[in-house]
């Protein structure tokens, strides 16, 4: 936000709500992560080499909880499927 000392947050991901042809969908299973933070870096990174969620053995509302660390901070989350016909990147 210009003028108030804040910073603008850019788009970090996209979910195609229009669906589309299934043949154009790419399987990104285990490759897409959404983090509730702003990372001010847009260069290359070996994310899959360093960011490796592991199962905790905990289940919440029928979903298995995974755990990973990002810059020393513990993150917990779960894998949720996108509805049929949706894609994400």
PDB file of N, CA and C in Angstrom:
ATOM      1  N   UNK A   1       0.839  -1.162   0.000  1.00  0.00           N
ATOM      2  CA  UNK A   1       0.000   0.000   0.000  1.00  0.00           C
ATOM      3  C   UNK A   1       0.881   1.221   0.000  1.00  0.00           C
ATOM      4  N   UNK A   2       0.864   1.912  -1.058  1.00  0.00           N
ATOM      5  CA  UNK A   2       1.751   3.039  -1.203  1.00  0.00           C
ATOM      6  C   UNK A   2       1.304   4.198  -0.335  1.00  0.00           C
ATOM      7  N   UNK A   3       2.310   4.905   0.200  1.00  0.00           N
ATOM      8  CA  UNK A   3       2.013   6.101   0.961  1.00  0.00           C
ATOM      9  C   UNK A   3       1.793   5.881   2.438  1.00  0.00           C
ATOM     10  N   UNK A   4       1.522   4.654   2.877  1.00  0.00           N
ATOM     11  CA  UNK A   4       1.258   4.451   4.297  1.00  0.00           C
ATOM     12  C   UNK A   4       2.362   3.646   4.979  1.00  0.00           C
ATOM     13  N   UNK A   5       3.488   3.431   4.288  1.00  0.00           N
ATOM     14  CA  UNK A   5       4.595   2.708   4.890  1.00  0.00           C
ATOM     15  C   UNK A   5       4.456   1.202   4.797  1.00  0.00           C
ATOM     16  N   UNK A   6       3.325   0.719   4.313  1.00  0.00           N
ATOM     17  CA  UNK A   6       3.125  -0.722   4.173  1.00  0.00           C
ATOM     18  C   UNK A   6       3.710  -1.201   2.866  1.00  0.00           C
ATOM     19  N   UNK A   7       3.594  -2.466   2.634  1.00  0.00           N
ATOM     20  CA  UNK A   7       4.102  -3.011   1.377  1.00  0.00           C
ATOM     21  C   UNK A   7       2.976  -3.727   0.647  1.00  0.00           C
ATOM     22  N   UNK A   8       3.056  -3.703  -0.662  1.00  0.00           N
ATOM     23  CA  UNK A   8       2.061  -4.406  -1.470  1.00  0.00           C
ATOM     24  C   UNK A   8       2.413  -5.886  -1.499  1.00  0.00           C
ATOM     25  N   UNK A   9       1.417  -6.729  -1.440  1.00  0.00           N
ATOM     26  CA  UNK A   9       1.626  -8.171  -1.497  1.00  0.00           C
ATOM     27  C   UNK A   9       1.204  -8.638  -2.877  1.00  0.00           C
ATOM     28  N   UNK A  10       2.107  -9.306  -3.570  1.00  0.00           N
ATOM     29  CA  UNK A  10       1.825  -9.765  -4.918  1.00  0.00           C
ATOM     30  C   UNK A  10       1.163 -11.123  -4.922  1.00  0.00           C
ATOM     31  N   UNK A  11       0.727 -11.548  -6.087  1.00  0.00           N
ATOM     32  CA  UNK A  11       0.113 -12.855  -6.248  1.00  0.00           C
ATOM     33  C   UNK A  11       1.185 -13.925  -6.167  1.00  0.00           C
ATOM     34  N   UNK A  12       0.960 -14.940  -5.351  1.00  0.00           N
ATOM     35  CA  UNK A  12       1.939 -16.003  -5.194  1.00  0.00           C
ATOM     36  C   UNK A  12       1.446 -17.334  -5.736  1.00  0.00           C
ATOM     37  N   UNK A  13       0.211 -17.423  -6.139  1.00  0.00           N
ATOM     38  CA  UNK A  13      -0.323 -18.674  -6.653  1.00  0.00           C
ATOM     39  C   UNK A  13      -1.625 -18.425  -7.372  1.00  0.00           C
ATOM     40  N   UNK A  14      -2.126 -19.472  -8.024  1.00  0.00           N
ATOM     41  CA  UNK A  14      -3.371 -19.314  -8.770  1.00  0.00           C
ATOM     42  C   UNK A  14      -4.108 -20.635  -8.762  1.00  0.00           C
ATOM     43  N   UNK A  15      -5.419 -20.563  -8.618  1.00  0.00           N
ATOM     44  CA  UNK A  15      -6.282 -21.733  -8.769  1.00  0.00           C
ATOM     45  C   UNK A  15      -7.258 -21.419  -9.885  1.00  0.00           C
ATOM     46  N   UNK A  16      -7.289 -22.253 -10.897  1.00  0.00           N
ATOM     47  CA  UNK A  16      -8.157 -22.061 -12.047  1.00  0.00           C
ATOM     48  C   UNK A  16      -9.547 -22.576 -11.705  1.00  0.00           C
ATOM     49  N   UNK A  17     -10.479 -21.675 -11.476  1.00  0.00           N
ATOM     50  CA  UNK A  17     -11.834 -22.056 -11.097  1.00  0.00           C
ATOM     51  C   UNK A  17     -12.709 -22.373 -12.301  1.00  0.00           C
ATOM     52  N   UNK A  18     -12.179 -22.187 -13.487  1.00  0.00           N
ATOM     53  CA  UNK A  18     -12.944 -22.469 -14.695  1.00  0.00           C
ATOM     54  C   UNK A  18     -12.868 -23.932 -15.104  1.00  0.00           C
ATOM     55  N   UNK A  19     -12.019 -24.669 -14.435  1.00  0.00           N
ATOM     56  CA  UNK A  19     -11.858 -26.062 -14.838  1.00  0.00           C
ATOM     57  C   UNK A  19     -10.987 -26.130 -16.065  1.00  0.00           C
ATOM     58  N   UNK A  20     -11.438 -26.785 -17.069  1.00  0.00           N
ATOM     59  CA  UNK A  20     -10.658 -26.887 -18.296  1.00  0.00           C
ATOM     60  C   UNK A  20     -10.543 -28.331 -18.724  1.00  0.00           C
ATOM     61  N   UNK A  21      -9.782 -28.534 -19.764  1.00  0.00           N
ATOM     62  CA  UNK A  21      -9.585 -29.886 -20.272  1.00  0.00           C
ATOM     63  C   UNK A  21      -8.688 -30.659 -19.323  1.00  0.00           C
ATOM     64  N   UNK A  22      -9.103 -31.874 -18.972  1.00  0.00           N
ATOM     65  CA  UNK A  22      -8.299 -32.691 -18.062  1.00  0.00           C
ATOM     66  C   UNK A  22      -6.948 -33.029 -18.665  1.00  0.00           C
ATOM     67  N   UNK A  23      -6.860 -33.116 -19.996  1.00  0.00           N
ATOM     68  CA  UNK A  23      -5.590 -33.470 -20.626  1.00  0.00           C
ATOM     69  C   UNK A  23      -4.543 -32.387 -20.413  1.00  0.00           C
ATOM     70  N   UNK A  24      -4.970 -31.150 -20.123  1.00  0.00           N
ATOM     71  CA  UNK A  24      -4.019 -30.064 -19.909  1.00  0.00           C
ATOM     72  C   UNK A  24      -3.574 -29.973 -18.456  1.00  0.00           C
ATOM     73  N   UNK A  25      -4.173 -30.768 -17.575  1.00  0.00           N
ATOM     74  CA  UNK A  25      -3.819 -30.724 -16.159  1.00  0.00           C
ATOM     75  C   UNK A  25      -2.482 -31.416 -15.929  1.00  0.00           C
ATOM     76  N   UNK A  26      -1.680 -30.821 -15.044  1.00  0.00           N
ATOM     77  CA  UNK A  26      -0.382 -31.384 -14.687  1.00  0.00           C
ATOM     78  C   UNK A  26      -0.479 -31.901 -13.266  1.00  0.00           C
ATOM     79  N   UNK A  27       0.011 -33.105 -13.019  1.00  0.00           N
ATOM     80  CA  UNK A  27      -0.021 -33.677 -11.676  1.00  0.00           C
ATOM     81  C   UNK A  27       1.076 -33.035 -10.837  1.00  0.00           C
ATOM     82  N   UNK A  28       0.696 -32.208  -9.873  1.00  0.00           N
ATOM     83  CA  UNK A  28       1.641 -31.530  -8.994  1.00  0.00           C
ATOM     84  C   UNK A  28       1.606 -32.117  -7.593  1.00  0.00           C
ATOM     85  N   UNK A  29       1.169 -33.361  -7.463  1.00  0.00           N
ATOM     86  CA  UNK A  29       1.078 -34.019  -6.169  1.00  0.00           C
ATOM     87  C   UNK A  29       2.415 -33.948  -5.451  1.00  0.00           C
ATOM     88  N   UNK A  30       2.387 -33.443  -4.235  1.00  0.00           N
ATOM     89  CA  UNK A  30       3.591 -33.354  -3.429  1.00  0.00           C
ATOM     90  C   UNK A  30       4.541 -32.245  -3.835  1.00  0.00           C
ATOM     91  N   UNK A  31       4.137 -31.370  -4.753  1.00  0.00           N
ATOM     92  CA  UNK A  31       5.027 -30.328  -5.241  1.00  0.00           C
ATOM     93  C   UNK A  31       4.536 -28.917  -4.953  1.00  0.00           C
ATOM     94  N   UNK A  32       3.305 -28.747  -4.524  1.00  0.00           N
ATOM     95  CA  UNK A  32       2.747 -27.418  -4.315  1.00  0.00           C
ATOM     96  C   UNK A  32       2.514 -27.196  -2.828  1.00  0.00           C
ATOM     97  N   UNK A  33       2.979 -26.070  -2.333  1.00  0.00           N
ATOM     98  CA  UNK A  33       2.794 -25.730  -0.929  1.00  0.00           C
ATOM     99  C   UNK A  33       2.276 -24.302  -0.849  1.00  0.00           C
ATOM    100  N   UNK A  34       1.325 -24.064   0.025  1.00  0.00           N
ATOM    101  CA  UNK A  34       0.833 -22.712   0.248  1.00  0.00           C
ATOM    102  C   UNK A  34       1.206 -22.320   1.668  1.00  0.00           C
ATOM    103  N   UNK A  35       1.995 -21.272   1.805  1.00  0.00           N
ATOM    104  CA  UNK A  35       2.427 -20.806   3.115  1.00  0.00           C
ATOM    105  C   UNK A  35       1.754 -19.478   3.425  1.00  0.00           C
ATOM    106  N   UNK A  36       1.267 -19.312   4.653  1.00  0.00           N
ATOM    107  CA  UNK A  36       0.604 -18.060   5.036  1.00  0.00           C
ATOM    108  C   UNK A  36       1.626 -16.986   5.401  1.00  0.00           C
ATOM    109  N   UNK A  37       2.457 -16.604   4.440  1.00  0.00           N
ATOM    110  CA  UNK A  37       3.463 -15.579   4.694  1.00  0.00           C
ATOM    111  C   UNK A  37       3.856 -14.933   3.370  1.00  0.00           C
ATOM    112  N   UNK A  38       4.577 -13.847   3.466  1.00  0.00           N
ATOM    113  CA  UNK A  38       5.061 -13.140   2.287  1.00  0.00           C
ATOM    114  C   UNK A  38       6.571 -13.340   2.201  1.00  0.00           C
ATOM    115  N   UNK A  39       7.043 -13.896   1.100  1.00  0.00           N
ATOM    116  CA  UNK A  39       8.465 -14.111   0.883  1.00  0.00           C
ATOM    117  C   UNK A  39       8.897 -13.165  -0.227  1.00  0.00           C
ATOM    118  N   UNK A  40       9.776 -12.241   0.110  1.00  0.00           N
ATOM    119  CA  UNK A  40      10.182 -11.225  -0.863  1.00  0.00           C
ATOM    120  C   UNK A  40      11.415 -11.694  -1.637  1.00  0.00           C
ATOM    121  N   UNK A  41      11.263 -12.803  -2.338  1.00  0.00           N
ATOM    122  CA  UNK A  41      12.318 -13.353  -3.181  1.00  0.00           C
ATOM    123  C   UNK A  41      11.648 -14.009  -4.368  1.00  0.00           C
ATOM    124  N   UNK A  42      12.127 -13.724  -5.557  1.00  0.00           N
ATOM    125  CA  UNK A  42      11.482 -14.309  -6.730  1.00  0.00           C
ATOM    126  C   UNK A  42      12.467 -15.038  -7.645  1.00  0.00           C
ATOM    127  N   UNK A  43      13.584 -15.460  -7.090  1.00  0.00           N
ATOM    128  CA  UNK A  43      14.574 -16.185  -7.877  1.00  0.00           C
ATOM    129  C   UNK A  43      14.421 -17.685  -7.739  1.00  0.00           C
ATOM    130  N   UNK A  44      15.318 -18.414  -8.356  1.00  0.00           N
ATOM    131  CA  UNK A  44      15.258 -19.876  -8.292  1.00  0.00           C
ATOM    132  C   UNK A  44      15.566 -20.394  -6.892  1.00  0.00           C
ATOM    133  N   UNK A  45      15.015 -21.542  -6.568  1.00  0.00           N
ATOM    134  CA  UNK A  45      15.231 -22.160  -5.261  1.00  0.00           C
ATOM    135  C   UNK A  45      14.987 -23.658  -5.371  1.00  0.00           C
ATOM    136  N   UNK A  46      15.767 -24.433  -4.643  1.00  0.00           N
ATOM    137  CA  UNK A  46      15.591 -25.891  -4.618  1.00  0.00           C
ATOM    138  C   UNK A  46      14.640 -26.258  -3.490  1.00  0.00           C
ATOM    139  N   UNK A  47      13.395 -25.805  -3.592  1.00  0.00           N
ATOM    140  CA  UNK A  47      12.418 -26.004  -2.525  1.00  0.00           C
ATOM    141  C   UNK A  47      12.266 -27.483  -2.187  1.00  0.00           C
ATOM    142  N   UNK A  48      12.155 -28.328  -3.194  1.00  0.00           N
ATOM    143  CA  UNK A  48      11.938 -29.751  -2.922  1.00  0.00           C
ATOM    144  C   UNK A  48      13.136 -30.395  -2.230  1.00  0.00           C
ATOM    145  N   UNK A  49      14.303 -29.778  -2.333  1.00  0.00           N
ATOM    146  CA  UNK A  49      15.494 -30.311  -1.665  1.00  0.00           C
ATOM    147  C   UNK A  49      15.484 -29.995  -0.167  1.00  0.00           C
ATOM    148  N   UNK A  50      14.938 -28.844   0.208  1.00  0.00           N
ATOM    149  CA  UNK A  50      14.976 -28.402   1.601  1.00  0.00           C
ATOM    150  C   UNK A  50      13.643 -28.526   2.337  1.00  0.00           C
ATOM    151  N   UNK A  51      12.533 -28.324   1.646  1.00  0.00           N
ATOM    152  CA  UNK A  51      11.216 -28.303   2.284  1.00  0.00           C
ATOM    153  C   UNK A  51      10.570 -29.663   2.088  1.00  0.00           C
ATOM    154  N   UNK A  52      10.637 -30.505   3.123  1.00  0.00           N
ATOM    155  CA  UNK A  52      10.143 -31.882   3.025  1.00  0.00           C
ATOM    156  C   UNK A  52       9.192 -32.191   4.178  1.00  0.00           C
ATOM    157  N   UNK A  53       7.888 -31.937   3.981  1.00  0.00           N
ATOM    158  CA  UNK A  53       6.925 -32.264   5.039  1.00  0.00           C
ATOM    159  C   UNK A  53       6.970 -33.750   5.385  1.00  0.00           C
ATOM    160  N   UNK A  54       6.855 -34.031   6.672  1.00  0.00           N
ATOM    161  CA  UNK A  54       6.873 -35.412   7.168  1.00  0.00           C
ATOM    162  C   UNK A  54       5.620 -35.660   8.000  1.00  0.00           C
ATOM    163  N   UNK A  55       5.094 -36.886   7.989  1.00  0.00           N
ATOM    164  CA  UNK A  55       3.897 -37.199   8.777  1.00  0.00           C
ATOM    165  C   UNK A  55       4.187 -37.101  10.275  1.00  0.00           C
ATOM    166  N   UNK A  56       3.192 -36.620  11.029  1.00  0.00           N
ATOM    167  CA  UNK A  56       3.330 -36.508  12.486  1.00  0.00           C
ATOM    168  C   UNK A  56       2.676 -37.674  13.204  1.00  0.00           C
ATOM    169  N   UNK A  57       1.826 -38.424  12.496  1.00  0.00           N
ATOM    170  CA  UNK A  57       1.071 -39.491  13.146  1.00  0.00           C
ATOM    171  C   UNK A  57      -0.194 -38.967  13.810  1.00  0.00           C
ATOM    172  N   UNK A  58      -0.473 -37.678  13.650  1.00  0.00           N
ATOM    173  CA  UNK A  58      -1.664 -37.046  14.232  1.00  0.00           C
ATOM    174  C   UNK A  58      -2.723 -36.917  13.143  1.00  0.00           C
ATOM    175  N   UNK A  59      -3.973 -37.151  13.516  1.00  0.00           N
ATOM    176  CA  UNK A  59      -5.085 -37.002  12.586  1.00  0.00           C
ATOM    177  C   UNK A  59      -6.086 -36.019  13.179  1.00  0.00           C
ATOM    178  N   UNK A  60      -6.505 -35.036  12.383  1.00  0.00           N
ATOM    179  CA  UNK A  60      -7.486 -34.042  12.818  1.00  0.00           C
ATOM    180  C   UNK A  60      -8.617 -34.022  11.794  1.00  0.00           C
ATOM    181  N   UNK A  61      -9.832 -34.226  12.247  1.00  0.00           N
ATOM    182  CA  UNK A  61     -11.009 -34.243  11.368  1.00  0.00           C
ATOM    183  C   UNK A  61     -10.816 -35.180  10.173  1.00  0.00           C
ATOM    184  N   UNK A  62     -10.180 -36.319  10.403  1.00  0.00           N
ATOM    185  CA  UNK A  62      -9.980 -37.302   9.351  1.00  0.00           C
ATOM    186  C   UNK A  62      -8.832 -36.989   8.403  1.00  0.00           C
ATOM    187  N   UNK A  63      -8.079 -35.915   8.667  1.00  0.00           N
ATOM    188  CA  UNK A  63      -6.956 -35.530   7.811  1.00  0.00           C
ATOM    189  C   UNK A  63      -5.644 -35.745   8.553  1.00  0.00           C
ATOM    190  N   UNK A  64      -4.671 -36.352   7.892  1.00  0.00           N
ATOM    191  CA  UNK A  64      -3.357 -36.567   8.500  1.00  0.00           C
ATOM    192  C   UNK A  64      -2.569 -35.259   8.530  1.00  0.00           C
ATOM    193  N   UNK A  65      -1.975 -34.950   9.669  1.00  0.00           N
ATOM    194  CA  UNK A  65      -1.208 -33.716   9.841  1.00  0.00           C
ATOM    195  C   UNK A  65       0.258 -33.983   9.513  1.00  0.00           C
ATOM    196  N   UNK A  66       0.823 -33.122   8.670  1.00  0.00           N
ATOM    197  CA  UNK A  66       2.243 -33.182   8.330  1.00  0.00           C
ATOM    198  C   UNK A  66       2.955 -32.015   9.000  1.00  0.00           C
ATOM    199  N   UNK A  67       4.278 -32.119   9.075  1.00  0.00           N
ATOM    200  CA  UNK A  67       5.073 -31.093   9.738  1.00  0.00           C
ATOM    201  C   UNK A  67       6.330 -30.835   8.907  1.00  0.00           C
ATOM    202  N   UNK A  68       6.698 -29.569   8.797  1.00  0.00           N
ATOM    203  CA  UNK A  68       7.924 -29.182   8.100  1.00  0.00           C
ATOM    204  C   UNK A  68       8.457 -27.924   8.769  1.00  0.00           C
ATOM    205  N   UNK A  69       9.664 -27.572   8.434  1.00  0.00           N
ATOM    206  CA  UNK A  69      10.274 -26.362   8.984  1.00  0.00           C
ATOM    207  C   UNK A  69      10.629 -25.423   7.847  1.00  0.00           C
ATOM    208  N   UNK A  70      10.357 -24.137   8.055  1.00  0.00           N
ATOM    209  CA  UNK A  70      10.711 -23.101   7.094  1.00  0.00           C
ATOM    210  C   UNK A  70      11.449 -22.015   7.847  1.00  0.00           C
ATOM    211  N   UNK A  71      12.719 -21.832   7.539  1.00  0.00           N
ATOM    212  CA  UNK A  71      13.582 -20.857   8.215  1.00  0.00           C
ATOM    213  C   UNK A  71      13.533 -21.025   9.728  1.00  0.00           C
ATOM    214  N   UNK A  72      13.545 -22.277  10.172  1.00  0.00           N
ATOM    215  CA  UNK A  72      13.575 -22.586  11.595  1.00  0.00           C
ATOM    216  C   UNK A  72      12.227 -22.564  12.288  1.00  0.00           C
ATOM    217  N   UNK A  73      11.183 -22.255  11.579  1.00  0.00           N
ATOM    218  CA  UNK A  73       9.840 -22.201  12.169  1.00  0.00           C
ATOM    219  C   UNK A  73       9.074 -23.467  11.811  1.00  0.00           C
ATOM    220  N   UNK A  74       8.495 -24.095  12.823  1.00  0.00           N
ATOM    221  CA  UNK A  74       7.729 -25.320  12.583  1.00  0.00           C
ATOM    222  C   UNK A  74       6.380 -24.978  11.969  1.00  0.00           C
ATOM    223  N   UNK A  75       6.056 -25.671  10.893  1.00  0.00           N
ATOM    224  CA  UNK A  75       4.769 -25.514  10.220  1.00  0.00           C
ATOM    225  C   UNK A  75       4.045 -26.844  10.269  1.00  0.00           C
ATOM    226  N   UNK A  76       2.757 -26.797  10.536  1.00  0.00           N
ATOM    227  CA  UNK A  76       1.936 -27.999  10.506  1.00  0.00           C
ATOM    228  C   UNK A  76       0.780 -27.758   9.553  1.00  0.00           C
ATOM    229  N   UNK A  77       0.460 -28.771   8.780  1.00  0.00           N
ATOM    230  CA  UNK A  77      -0.627 -28.634   7.827  1.00  0.00           C
ATOM    231  C   UNK A  77      -1.057 -29.992   7.331  1.00  0.00           C
ATOM    232  N   UNK A  78      -1.922 -29.982   6.361  1.00  0.00           N
ATOM    233  CA  UNK A  78      -2.437 -31.225   5.811  1.00  0.00           C
ATOM    234  C   UNK A  78      -2.562 -31.092   4.302  1.00  0.00           C
ATOM    235  N   UNK A  79      -2.612 -32.196   3.634  1.00  0.00           N
ATOM    236  CA  UNK A  79      -2.800 -32.216   2.191  1.00  0.00           C
ATOM    237  C   UNK A  79      -4.287 -32.337   1.909  1.00  0.00           C
ATOM    238  N   UNK A  80      -4.798 -31.417   1.118  1.00  0.00           N
ATOM    239  CA  UNK A  80      -6.212 -31.478   0.746  1.00  0.00           C
ATOM    240  C   UNK A  80      -6.313 -31.556  -0.772  1.00  0.00           C
ATOM    241  N   UNK A  81      -7.224 -32.365  -1.272  1.00  0.00           N
ATOM    242  CA  UNK A  81      -7.372 -32.478  -2.722  1.00  0.00           C
ATOM    243  C   UNK A  81      -8.196 -31.315  -3.271  1.00  0.00           C
ATOM    244  N   UNK A  82      -7.840 -30.870  -4.467  1.00  0.00           N
ATOM    245  CA  UNK A  82      -8.670 -29.887  -5.155  1.00  0.00           C
ATOM    246  C   UNK A  82      -9.872 -30.620  -5.728  1.00  0.00           C
ATOM    247  N   UNK A  83     -11.025 -29.971  -5.777  1.00  0.00           N
ATOM    248  CA  UNK A  83     -12.201 -30.618  -6.368  1.00  0.00           C
ATOM    249  C   UNK A  83     -11.937 -30.996  -7.827  1.00  0.00           C
ATOM    250  N   UNK A  84     -12.606 -32.021  -8.302  1.00  0.00           N
ATOM    251  CA  UNK A  84     -12.465 -32.499  -9.670  1.00  0.00           C
ATOM    252  C   UNK A  84     -12.668 -31.348 -10.654  1.00  0.00           C
ATOM    253  N   UNK A  85     -11.786 -31.226 -11.608  1.00  0.00           N
ATOM    254  CA  UNK A  85     -11.893 -30.174 -12.613  1.00  0.00           C
ATOM    255  C   UNK A  85     -11.147 -28.907 -12.251  1.00  0.00           C
ATOM    256  N   UNK A  86     -10.560 -28.835 -11.059  1.00  0.00           N
ATOM    257  CA  UNK A  86      -9.809 -27.665 -10.635  1.00  0.00           C
ATOM    258  C   UNK A  86      -8.322 -27.968 -10.757  1.00  0.00           C
ATOM    259  N   UNK A  87      -7.538 -26.930 -10.942  1.00  0.00           N
ATOM    260  CA  UNK A  87      -6.091 -27.118 -10.983  1.00  0.00           C
ATOM    261  C   UNK A  87      -5.431 -25.973 -10.228  1.00  0.00           C
ATOM    262  N   UNK A  88      -4.223 -26.176  -9.802  1.00  0.00           N
ATOM    263  CA  UNK A  88      -3.513 -25.138  -9.060  1.00  0.00           C
ATOM    264  C   UNK A  88      -2.080 -25.045  -9.504  1.00  0.00           C
ATOM    265  N   UNK A  89      -1.481 -23.890  -9.283  1.00  0.00           N
ATOM    266  CA  UNK A  89      -0.055 -23.727  -9.571  1.00  0.00           C
ATOM    267  C   UNK A  89       0.518 -22.714  -8.637  1.00  0.00           C
TER     268      UNK A  89
END
